[in-house]
Amino acid sequence: CQSKLKFLETETVPKSSAKFSLSIMCMKALTAEYNQ
C-alpha cells in the first residue's frame, strides 16, 4: 500500500493554491479510508 501511494502520479497545481489542493487531496484520502 505504501509503495502504491508513493508512486502515484502527482497533479500539477498553481503555486498560489498548492496548500489548498493538498488539503483537498488529504481530505479525499481520509474520506476514502473512512468509507472503507
PDB file of all heavy atoms in Angstrom:
ATOM      1  N   CYS A   1       0.831  -1.214   0.000  1.00  0.00           N
ATOM      2  CA  CYS A   1       0.000   0.000   0.000  1.00  0.00           C
ATOM      3  C   CYS A   1       0.856   1.250   0.000  1.00  0.00           C
ATOM      4  O   CYS A   1       0.573   2.225  -0.719  1.00  0.00           O
ATOM      5  CB  CYS A   1      -0.920  -0.017   1.209  1.00  0.00           C
ATOM      6  SG  CYS A   1      -2.232  -1.255   1.120  1.00  0.00           S
ATOM      7  N   GLN A   2       1.932   1.229   0.801  1.00  0.00           N
ATOM      8  CA  GLN A   2       2.795   2.409   0.841  1.00  0.00           C
ATOM      9  C   GLN A   2       3.497   2.639  -0.502  1.00  0.00           C
ATOM     10  O   GLN A   2       3.688   3.778  -0.924  1.00  0.00           O
ATOM     11  CB  GLN A   2       3.814   2.247   1.969  1.00  0.00           C
ATOM     12  CG  GLN A   2       3.194   2.382   3.352  1.00  0.00           C
ATOM     13  CD  GLN A   2       4.219   2.207   4.456  1.00  0.00           C
ATOM     14  OE1 GLN A   2       5.388   1.904   4.192  1.00  0.00           O
ATOM     15  NE2 GLN A   2       3.772   2.394   5.694  1.00  0.00           N
ATOM     16  N   SER A   3       3.882   1.525  -1.158  1.00  0.00           N
ATOM     17  CA  SER A   3       4.532   1.671  -2.463  1.00  0.00           C
ATOM     18  C   SER A   3       3.575   2.277  -3.481  1.00  0.00           C
ATOM     19  O   SER A   3       3.946   3.143  -4.277  1.00  0.00           O
ATOM     20  CB  SER A   3       5.045   0.315  -2.944  1.00  0.00           C
ATOM     21  OG  SER A   3       5.996  -0.198  -2.030  1.00  0.00           O
ATOM     22  N   LYS A   4       2.342   1.812  -3.473  1.00  0.00           N
ATOM     23  CA  LYS A   4       1.359   2.343  -4.412  1.00  0.00           C
ATOM     24  C   LYS A   4       1.097   3.825  -4.162  1.00  0.00           C
ATOM     25  O   LYS A   4       1.006   4.622  -5.085  1.00  0.00           O
ATOM     26  CB  LYS A   4       0.059   1.558  -4.300  1.00  0.00           C
ATOM     27  CG  LYS A   4       0.157   0.130  -4.820  1.00  0.00           C
ATOM     28  CD  LYS A   4      -1.161  -0.600  -4.660  1.00  0.00           C
ATOM     29  CE  LYS A   4      -1.073  -2.035  -5.161  1.00  0.00           C
ATOM     30  NZ  LYS A   4      -2.355  -2.759  -5.003  1.00  0.00           N
ATOM     31  N   LEU A   5       0.998   4.173  -2.898  1.00  0.00           N
ATOM     32  CA  LEU A   5       0.751   5.588  -2.565  1.00  0.00           C
ATOM     33  C   LEU A   5       1.936   6.461  -2.926  1.00  0.00           C
ATOM     34  O   LEU A   5       1.775   7.610  -3.334  1.00  0.00           O
ATOM     35  CB  LEU A   5       0.430   5.726  -1.061  1.00  0.00           C
ATOM     36  CG  LEU A   5      -0.905   5.146  -0.593  1.00  0.00           C
ATOM     37  CD1 LEU A   5      -1.004   5.184   0.926  1.00  0.00           C
ATOM     38  CD2 LEU A   5      -2.055   5.917  -1.222  1.00  0.00           C
ATOM     39  N   LYS A   6       3.128   5.916  -2.795  1.00  0.00           N
ATOM     40  CA  LYS A   6       4.332   6.706  -3.038  1.00  0.00           C
ATOM     41  C   LYS A   6       4.516   7.031  -4.504  1.00  0.00           C
ATOM     42  O   LYS A   6       4.982   8.111  -4.876  1.00  0.00           O
ATOM     43  CB  LYS A   6       5.539   5.951  -2.492  1.00  0.00           C
ATOM     44  CG  LYS A   6       6.828   6.746  -2.577  1.00  0.00           C
ATOM     45  CD  LYS A   6       7.953   5.970  -1.917  1.00  0.00           C
ATOM     46  CE  LYS A   6       9.254   6.764  -1.973  1.00  0.00           C
ATOM     47  NZ  LYS A   6      10.396   6.031  -1.360  1.00  0.00           N
ATOM     48  N   PHE A   7       4.191   6.048  -5.379  1.00  0.00           N
ATOM     49  CA  PHE A   7       4.449   6.235  -6.806  1.00  0.00           C
ATOM     50  C   PHE A   7       3.222   6.681  -7.597  1.00  0.00           C
ATOM     51  O   PHE A   7       3.183   6.548  -8.801  1.00  0.00           O
ATOM     52  CB  PHE A   7       4.980   4.912  -7.401  1.00  0.00           C
ATOM     53  CG  PHE A   7       6.352   4.567  -6.886  1.00  0.00           C
ATOM     54  CD1 PHE A   7       6.507   3.567  -5.928  1.00  0.00           C
ATOM     55  CD2 PHE A   7       7.481   5.236  -7.361  1.00  0.00           C
ATOM     56  CE1 PHE A   7       7.769   3.242  -5.444  1.00  0.00           C
ATOM     57  CE2 PHE A   7       8.731   4.894  -6.869  1.00  0.00           C
ATOM     58  CZ  PHE A   7       8.884   3.907  -5.913  1.00  0.00           C
ATOM     59  N   LEU A   8       2.213   7.162  -6.908  1.00  0.00           N
ATOM     60  CA  LEU A   8       1.055   7.713  -7.614  1.00  0.00           C
ATOM     61  C   LEU A   8       1.454   8.975  -8.364  1.00  0.00           C
ATOM     62  O   LEU A   8       2.295   9.760  -7.896  1.00  0.00           O
ATOM     63  CB  LEU A   8      -0.070   8.047  -6.626  1.00  0.00           C
ATOM     64  CG  LEU A   8      -0.900   6.865  -6.111  1.00  0.00           C
ATOM     65  CD1 LEU A   8      -1.915   7.364  -5.095  1.00  0.00           C
ATOM     66  CD2 LEU A   8      -1.615   6.175  -7.263  1.00  0.00           C
ATOM     67  N   GLU A   9       0.869   9.208  -9.484  1.00  0.00           N
ATOM     68  CA  GLU A   9       1.170  10.419 -10.256  1.00  0.00           C
ATOM     69  C   GLU A   9       0.626  11.641  -9.545  1.00  0.00           C
ATOM     70  O   GLU A   9      -0.492  11.627  -9.026  1.00  0.00           O
ATOM     71  CB  GLU A   9       0.529  10.305 -11.641  1.00  0.00           C
ATOM     72  CG  GLU A   9       1.152   9.229 -12.506  1.00  0.00           C
ATOM     73  CD  GLU A   9       0.542   9.201 -13.900  1.00  0.00           C
ATOM     74  OE1 GLU A   9      -0.353  10.053 -14.135  1.00  0.00           O
ATOM     75  OE2 GLU A   9       0.954   8.372 -14.691  1.00  0.00           O
ATOM     76  N   THR A  10       1.430  12.626  -9.518  1.00  0.00           N
ATOM     77  CA  THR A  10       1.059  13.865  -8.837  1.00  0.00           C
ATOM     78  C   THR A  10       0.449  14.814  -9.839  1.00  0.00           C
ATOM     79  O   THR A  10       0.796  14.812 -11.014  1.00  0.00           O
ATOM     80  CB  THR A  10       2.298  14.512  -8.199  1.00  0.00           C
ATOM     81  OG1 THR A  10       3.256  14.767  -9.217  1.00  0.00           O
ATOM     82  CG2 THR A  10       2.888  13.602  -7.141  1.00  0.00           C
ATOM     83  N   GLU A  11      -0.440  15.645  -9.363  1.00  0.00           N
ATOM     84  CA  GLU A  11      -1.083  16.649 -10.197  1.00  0.00           C
ATOM     85  C   GLU A  11      -0.329  17.957 -10.083  1.00  0.00           C
ATOM     86  O   GLU A  11       0.226  18.292  -9.046  1.00  0.00           O
ATOM     87  CB  GLU A  11      -2.538  16.839  -9.752  1.00  0.00           C
ATOM     88  CG  GLU A  11      -3.372  15.589  -9.919  1.00  0.00           C
ATOM     89  CD  GLU A  11      -4.798  15.821  -9.471  1.00  0.00           C
ATOM     90  OE1 GLU A  11      -5.090  16.958  -9.048  1.00  0.00           O
ATOM     91  OE2 GLU A  11      -5.586  14.870  -9.527  1.00  0.00           O
ATOM     92  N   THR A  12      -0.281  18.680 -11.215  1.00  0.00           N
ATOM     93  CA  THR A  12       0.371  19.989 -11.239  1.00  0.00           C
ATOM     94  C   THR A  12      -0.673  21.055 -10.943  1.00  0.00           C
ATOM     95  O   THR A  12      -1.683  21.149 -11.646  1.00  0.00           O
ATOM     96  CB  THR A  12       1.002  20.249 -12.608  1.00  0.00           C
ATOM     97  OG1 THR A  12       1.946  19.222 -12.871  1.00  0.00           O
ATOM     98  CG2 THR A  12       1.697  21.606 -12.618  1.00  0.00           C
ATOM     99  N   VAL A  13      -0.438  21.814  -9.891  1.00  0.00           N
ATOM    100  CA  VAL A  13      -1.381  22.846  -9.464  1.00  0.00           C
ATOM    101  C   VAL A  13      -0.654  24.164  -9.373  1.00  0.00           C
ATOM    102  O   VAL A  13       0.573  24.209  -9.216  1.00  0.00           O
ATOM    103  CB  VAL A  13      -1.994  22.477  -8.099  1.00  0.00           C
ATOM    104  CG1 VAL A  13      -2.808  21.208  -8.216  1.00  0.00           C
ATOM    105  CG2 VAL A  13      -0.911  22.306  -7.053  1.00  0.00           C
ATOM    106  N   PRO A  14      -1.376  25.263  -9.500  1.00  0.00           N
ATOM    107  CA  PRO A  14      -0.730  26.572  -9.345  1.00  0.00           C
ATOM    108  C   PRO A  14      -0.128  26.721  -7.954  1.00  0.00           C
ATOM    109  O   PRO A  14      -0.604  26.150  -6.983  1.00  0.00           O
ATOM    110  CB  PRO A  14      -1.890  27.543  -9.572  1.00  0.00           C
ATOM    111  CG  PRO A  14      -2.919  26.772 -10.293  1.00  0.00           C
ATOM    112  CD  PRO A  14      -2.791  25.354  -9.860  1.00  0.00           C
ATOM    113  N   LYS A  15       0.941  27.505  -7.871  1.00  0.00           N
ATOM    114  CA  LYS A  15       1.640  27.694  -6.593  1.00  0.00           C
ATOM    115  C   LYS A  15       0.749  28.368  -5.561  1.00  0.00           C
ATOM    116  O   LYS A  15       0.823  28.086  -4.370  1.00  0.00           O
ATOM    117  CB  LYS A  15       2.886  28.523  -6.843  1.00  0.00           C
ATOM    118  CG  LYS A  15       3.744  28.683  -5.607  1.00  0.00           C
ATOM    119  CD  LYS A  15       5.017  29.429  -5.942  1.00  0.00           C
ATOM    120  CE  LYS A  15       5.896  29.565  -4.711  1.00  0.00           C
ATOM    121  NZ  LYS A  15       7.144  30.290  -5.000  1.00  0.00           N
ATOM    122  N   SER A  16      -0.127  29.278  -6.028  1.00  0.00           N
ATOM    123  CA  SER A  16      -0.962  30.031  -5.088  1.00  0.00           C
ATOM    124  C   SER A  16      -1.977  29.135  -4.380  1.00  0.00           C
ATOM    125  O   SER A  16      -2.372  29.385  -3.258  1.00  0.00           O
ATOM    126  CB  SER A  16      -1.686  31.148  -5.823  1.00  0.00           C
ATOM    127  OG  SER A  16      -2.466  30.598  -6.880  1.00  0.00           O
ATOM    128  N   SER A  17      -2.417  28.040  -5.069  1.00  0.00           N
ATOM    129  CA  SER A  17      -3.421  27.148  -4.468  1.00  0.00           C
ATOM    130  C   SER A  17      -2.838  25.787  -4.125  1.00  0.00           C
ATOM    131  O   SER A  17      -3.585  24.818  -4.038  1.00  0.00           O
ATOM    132  CB  SER A  17      -4.586  26.988  -5.429  1.00  0.00           C
ATOM    133  OG  SER A  17      -4.133  26.428  -6.658  1.00  0.00           O
ATOM    134  N   ALA A  18      -1.523  25.704  -3.926  1.00  0.00           N
ATOM    135  CA  ALA A  18      -0.892  24.407  -3.639  1.00  0.00           C
ATOM    136  C   ALA A  18      -1.359  23.851  -2.299  1.00  0.00           C
ATOM    137  O   ALA A  18      -1.759  22.683  -2.198  1.00  0.00           O
ATOM    138  CB  ALA A  18       0.627  24.568  -3.668  1.00  0.00           C
ATOM    139  N   LYS A  19      -1.338  24.682  -1.265  1.00  0.00           N
ATOM    140  CA  LYS A  19      -1.716  24.197   0.069  1.00  0.00           C
ATOM    141  C   LYS A  19      -3.186  23.808   0.110  1.00  0.00           C
ATOM    142  O   LYS A  19      -3.561  22.787   0.709  1.00  0.00           O
ATOM    143  CB  LYS A  19      -1.440  25.262   1.115  1.00  0.00           C
ATOM    144  CG  LYS A  19       0.043  25.549   1.317  1.00  0.00           C
ATOM    145  CD  LYS A  19       0.238  26.567   2.426  1.00  0.00           C
ATOM    146  CE  LYS A  19       1.722  26.832   2.656  1.00  0.00           C
ATOM    147  NZ  LYS A  19       1.942  27.821   3.745  1.00  0.00           N
ATOM    148  N   PHE A  20      -4.019  24.578  -0.559  1.00  0.00           N
ATOM    149  CA  PHE A  20      -5.445  24.255  -0.579  1.00  0.00           C
ATOM    150  C   PHE A  20      -5.699  22.939  -1.298  1.00  0.00           C
ATOM    151  O   PHE A  20      -6.479  22.101  -0.840  1.00  0.00           O
ATOM    152  CB  PHE A  20      -6.205  25.395  -1.264  1.00  0.00           C
ATOM    153  CG  PHE A  20      -7.667  25.128  -1.432  1.00  0.00           C
ATOM    154  CD1 PHE A  20      -8.528  25.195  -0.335  1.00  0.00           C
ATOM    155  CD2 PHE A  20      -8.182  24.792  -2.682  1.00  0.00           C
ATOM    156  CE1 PHE A  20      -9.885  24.947  -0.505  1.00  0.00           C
ATOM    157  CE2 PHE A  20      -9.523  24.530  -2.844  1.00  0.00           C
ATOM    158  CZ  PHE A  20     -10.395  24.611  -1.745  1.00  0.00           C
ATOM    159  N   SER A  21      -4.976  22.743  -2.430  1.00  0.00           N
ATOM    160  CA  SER A  21      -5.148  21.500  -3.191  1.00  0.00           C
ATOM    161  C   SER A  21      -4.667  20.300  -2.398  1.00  0.00           C
ATOM    162  O   SER A  21      -5.296  19.234  -2.402  1.00  0.00           O
ATOM    163  CB  SER A  21      -4.386  21.591  -4.518  1.00  0.00           C
ATOM    164  OG  SER A  21      -4.870  22.672  -5.288  1.00  0.00           O
ATOM    165  N   LEU A  22      -3.558  20.472  -1.671  1.00  0.00           N
ATOM    166  CA  LEU A  22      -3.054  19.371  -0.838  1.00  0.00           C
ATOM    167  C   LEU A  22      -4.047  19.032   0.256  1.00  0.00           C
ATOM    168  O   LEU A  22      -4.255  17.854   0.585  1.00  0.00           O
ATOM    169  CB  LEU A  22      -1.702  19.747  -0.250  1.00  0.00           C
ATOM    170  CG  LEU A  22      -0.533  19.848  -1.252  1.00  0.00           C
ATOM    171  CD1 LEU A  22       0.728  20.339  -0.539  1.00  0.00           C
ATOM    172  CD2 LEU A  22      -0.264  18.491  -1.898  1.00  0.00           C
ATOM    173  N   SER A  23      -4.660  20.058   0.816  1.00  0.00           N
ATOM    174  CA  SER A  23      -5.659  19.812   1.867  1.00  0.00           C
ATOM    175  C   SER A  23      -6.850  19.046   1.300  1.00  0.00           C
ATOM    176  O   SER A  23      -7.375  18.127   1.936  1.00  0.00           O
ATOM    177  CB  SER A  23      -6.117  21.134   2.483  1.00  0.00           C
ATOM    178  OG  SER A  23      -5.029  21.822   3.067  1.00  0.00           O
ATOM    179  N   ILE A  24      -7.266  19.416   0.084  1.00  0.00           N
ATOM    180  CA  ILE A  24      -8.389  18.716  -0.553  1.00  0.00           C
ATOM    181  C   ILE A  24      -8.035  17.259  -0.812  1.00  0.00           C
ATOM    182  O   ILE A  24      -8.840  16.352  -0.554  1.00  0.00           O
ATOM    183  CB  ILE A  24      -8.777  19.419  -1.864  1.00  0.00           C
ATOM    184  CG1 ILE A  24      -9.330  20.832  -1.565  1.00  0.00           C
ATOM    185  CG2 ILE A  24      -9.805  18.598  -2.636  1.00  0.00           C
ATOM    186  CD1 ILE A  24     -10.595  20.835  -0.757  1.00  0.00           C
ATOM    187  N   MET A  25      -6.802  17.028  -1.273  1.00  0.00           N
ATOM    188  CA  MET A  25      -6.385  15.645  -1.551  1.00  0.00           C
ATOM    189  C   MET A  25      -6.320  14.832  -0.263  1.00  0.00           C
ATOM    190  O   MET A  25      -6.729  13.662  -0.237  1.00  0.00           O
ATOM    191  CB  MET A  25      -5.018  15.654  -2.249  1.00  0.00           C
ATOM    192  CG  MET A  25      -5.055  16.274  -3.655  1.00  0.00           C
ATOM    193  SD  MET A  25      -3.421  16.480  -4.381  1.00  0.00           S
ATOM    194  CE  MET A  25      -2.937  14.764  -4.522  1.00  0.00           C
ATOM    195  N   CYS A  26      -5.826  15.448   0.789  1.00  0.00           N
ATOM    196  CA  CYS A  26      -5.750  14.749   2.084  1.00  0.00           C
ATOM    197  C   CYS A  26      -7.150  14.417   2.590  1.00  0.00           C
ATOM    198  O   CYS A  26      -7.398  13.332   3.117  1.00  0.00           O
ATOM    199  CB  CYS A  26      -4.989  15.609   3.090  1.00  0.00           C
ATOM    200  SG  CYS A  26      -4.734  14.800   4.685  1.00  0.00           S
ATOM    201  N   MET A  27      -8.061  15.353   2.406  1.00  0.00           N
ATOM    202  CA  MET A  27      -9.431  15.109   2.827  1.00  0.00           C
ATOM    203  C   MET A  27     -10.059  13.967   2.042  1.00  0.00           C
ATOM    204  O   MET A  27     -10.772  13.118   2.599  1.00  0.00           O
ATOM    205  CB  MET A  27     -10.255  16.391   2.647  1.00  0.00           C
ATOM    206  CG  MET A  27     -11.687  16.259   3.161  1.00  0.00           C
ATOM    207  SD  MET A  27     -12.717  17.672   2.758  1.00  0.00           S
ATOM    208  CE  MET A  27     -12.862  17.423   0.991  1.00  0.00           C
ATOM    209  N   LYS A  28      -9.762  13.913   0.710  1.00  0.00           N
ATOM    210  CA  LYS A  28     -10.303  12.823  -0.105  1.00  0.00           C
ATOM    211  C   LYS A  28      -9.754  11.480   0.358  1.00  0.00           C
ATOM    212  O   LYS A  28     -10.478  10.484   0.422  1.00  0.00           O
ATOM    213  CB  LYS A  28      -9.960  13.051  -1.563  1.00  0.00           C
ATOM    214  CG  LYS A  28     -10.714  14.230  -2.194  1.00  0.00           C
ATOM    215  CD  LYS A  28     -10.321  14.405  -3.653  1.00  0.00           C
ATOM    216  CE  LYS A  28     -11.095  15.549  -4.304  1.00  0.00           C
ATOM    217  NZ  LYS A  28     -10.727  15.747  -5.726  1.00  0.00           N
ATOM    218  N   ALA A  29      -8.452  11.466   0.705  1.00  0.00           N
ATOM    219  CA  ALA A  29      -7.845  10.211   1.166  1.00  0.00           C
ATOM    220  C   ALA A  29      -8.478   9.752   2.467  1.00  0.00           C
ATOM    221  O   ALA A  29      -8.795   8.565   2.651  1.00  0.00           O
ATOM    222  CB  ALA A  29      -6.343  10.406   1.337  1.00  0.00           C
ATOM    223  N   LEU A  30      -8.663  10.679   3.384  1.00  0.00           N
ATOM    224  CA  LEU A  30      -9.270  10.310   4.677  1.00  0.00           C
ATOM    225  C   LEU A  30     -10.723   9.885   4.503  1.00  0.00           C
ATOM    226  O   LEU A  30     -11.199   8.968   5.178  1.00  0.00           O
ATOM    227  CB  LEU A  30      -9.190  11.500   5.646  1.00  0.00           C
ATOM    228  CG  LEU A  30      -7.773  11.870   6.115  1.00  0.00           C
ATOM    229  CD1 LEU A  30      -7.817  13.142   6.956  1.00  0.00           C
ATOM    230  CD2 LEU A  30      -7.150  10.728   6.904  1.00  0.00           C
ATOM    231  N   THR A  31     -11.428  10.538   3.553  1.00  0.00           N
ATOM    232  CA  THR A  31     -12.815  10.148   3.292  1.00  0.00           C
ATOM    233  C   THR A  31     -12.894   8.740   2.735  1.00  0.00           C
ATOM    234  O   THR A  31     -13.752   7.942   3.112  1.00  0.00           O
ATOM    235  CB  THR A  31     -13.459  11.138   2.314  1.00  0.00           C
ATOM    236  OG1 THR A  31     -13.371  12.459   2.857  1.00  0.00           O
ATOM    237  CG2 THR A  31     -14.924  10.790   2.077  1.00  0.00           C
ATOM    238  N   ALA A  32     -11.967   8.435   1.824  1.00  0.00           N
ATOM    239  CA  ALA A  32     -11.943   7.073   1.268  1.00  0.00           C
ATOM    240  C   ALA A  32     -11.649   6.050   2.352  1.00  0.00           C
ATOM    241  O   ALA A  32     -12.268   4.976   2.404  1.00  0.00           O
ATOM    242  CB  ALA A  32     -10.896   7.010   0.158  1.00  0.00           C
ATOM    243  N   GLU A  33     -10.700   6.383   3.233  1.00  0.00           N
ATOM    244  CA  GLU A  33     -10.376   5.454   4.332  1.00  0.00           C
ATOM    245  C   GLU A  33     -11.573   5.286   5.251  1.00  0.00           C
ATOM    246  O   GLU A  33     -11.875   4.177   5.717  1.00  0.00           O
ATOM    247  CB  GLU A  33      -9.174   5.984   5.106  1.00  0.00           C
ATOM    248  CG  GLU A  33      -8.712   5.024   6.212  1.00  0.00           C
ATOM    249  CD  GLU A  33      -7.487   5.547   6.926  1.00  0.00           C
ATOM    250  OE1 GLU A  33      -6.949   6.593   6.520  1.00  0.00           O
ATOM    251  OE2 GLU A  33      -7.070   4.908   7.909  1.00  0.00           O
ATOM    252  N   TYR A  34     -12.277   6.388   5.514  1.00  0.00           N
ATOM    253  CA  TYR A  34     -13.461   6.315   6.374  1.00  0.00           C
ATOM    254  C   TYR A  34     -14.525   5.406   5.756  1.00  0.00           C
ATOM    255  O   TYR A  34     -15.155   4.593   6.455  1.00  0.00           O
ATOM    256  CB  TYR A  34     -14.015   7.733   6.591  1.00  0.00           C
ATOM    257  CG  TYR A  34     -15.369   7.764   7.244  1.00  0.00           C
ATOM    258  CD1 TYR A  34     -15.513   7.524   8.612  1.00  0.00           C
ATOM    259  CD2 TYR A  34     -16.514   8.036   6.487  1.00  0.00           C
ATOM    260  CE1 TYR A  34     -16.757   7.550   9.201  1.00  0.00           C
ATOM    261  CE2 TYR A  34     -17.763   8.062   7.078  1.00  0.00           C
ATOM    262  CZ  TYR A  34     -17.891   7.816   8.437  1.00  0.00           C
ATOM    263  OH  TYR A  34     -19.123   7.839   9.027  1.00  0.00           O
ATOM    264  N   ASN A  35     -14.723   5.534   4.438  1.00  0.00           N
ATOM    265  CA  ASN A  35     -15.693   4.680   3.757  1.00  0.00           C
ATOM    266  C   ASN A  35     -15.303   3.216   3.827  1.00  0.00           C
ATOM    267  O   ASN A  35     -16.156   2.336   3.996  1.00  0.00           O
ATOM    268  CB  ASN A  35     -15.850   5.119   2.304  1.00  0.00           C
ATOM    269  CG  ASN A  35     -16.479   6.497   2.190  1.00  0.00           C
ATOM    270  OD1 ASN A  35     -17.258   6.895   3.049  1.00  0.00           O
ATOM    271  ND2 ASN A  35     -16.129   7.231   1.131  1.00  0.00           N
ATOM    272  N   GLN A  36     -14.004   2.928   3.727  1.00  0.00           N
ATOM    273  CA  GLN A  36     -13.535   1.551   3.851  1.00  0.00           C
ATOM    274  C   GLN A  36     -13.815   1.006   5.248  1.00  0.00           C
ATOM    275  O   GLN A  36     -14.194  -0.145   5.410  1.00  0.00           O
ATOM    276  CB  GLN A  36     -12.035   1.480   3.526  1.00  0.00           C
ATOM    277  CG  GLN A  36     -11.696   1.718   2.066  1.00  0.00           C
ATOM    278  CD  GLN A  36     -12.276   0.632   1.171  1.00  0.00           C
ATOM    279  OE1 GLN A  36     -12.337  -0.539   1.548  1.00  0.00           O
ATOM    280  NE2 GLN A  36     -12.720   1.033  -0.023  1.00  0.00           N
TER     281      GLN A  36
END
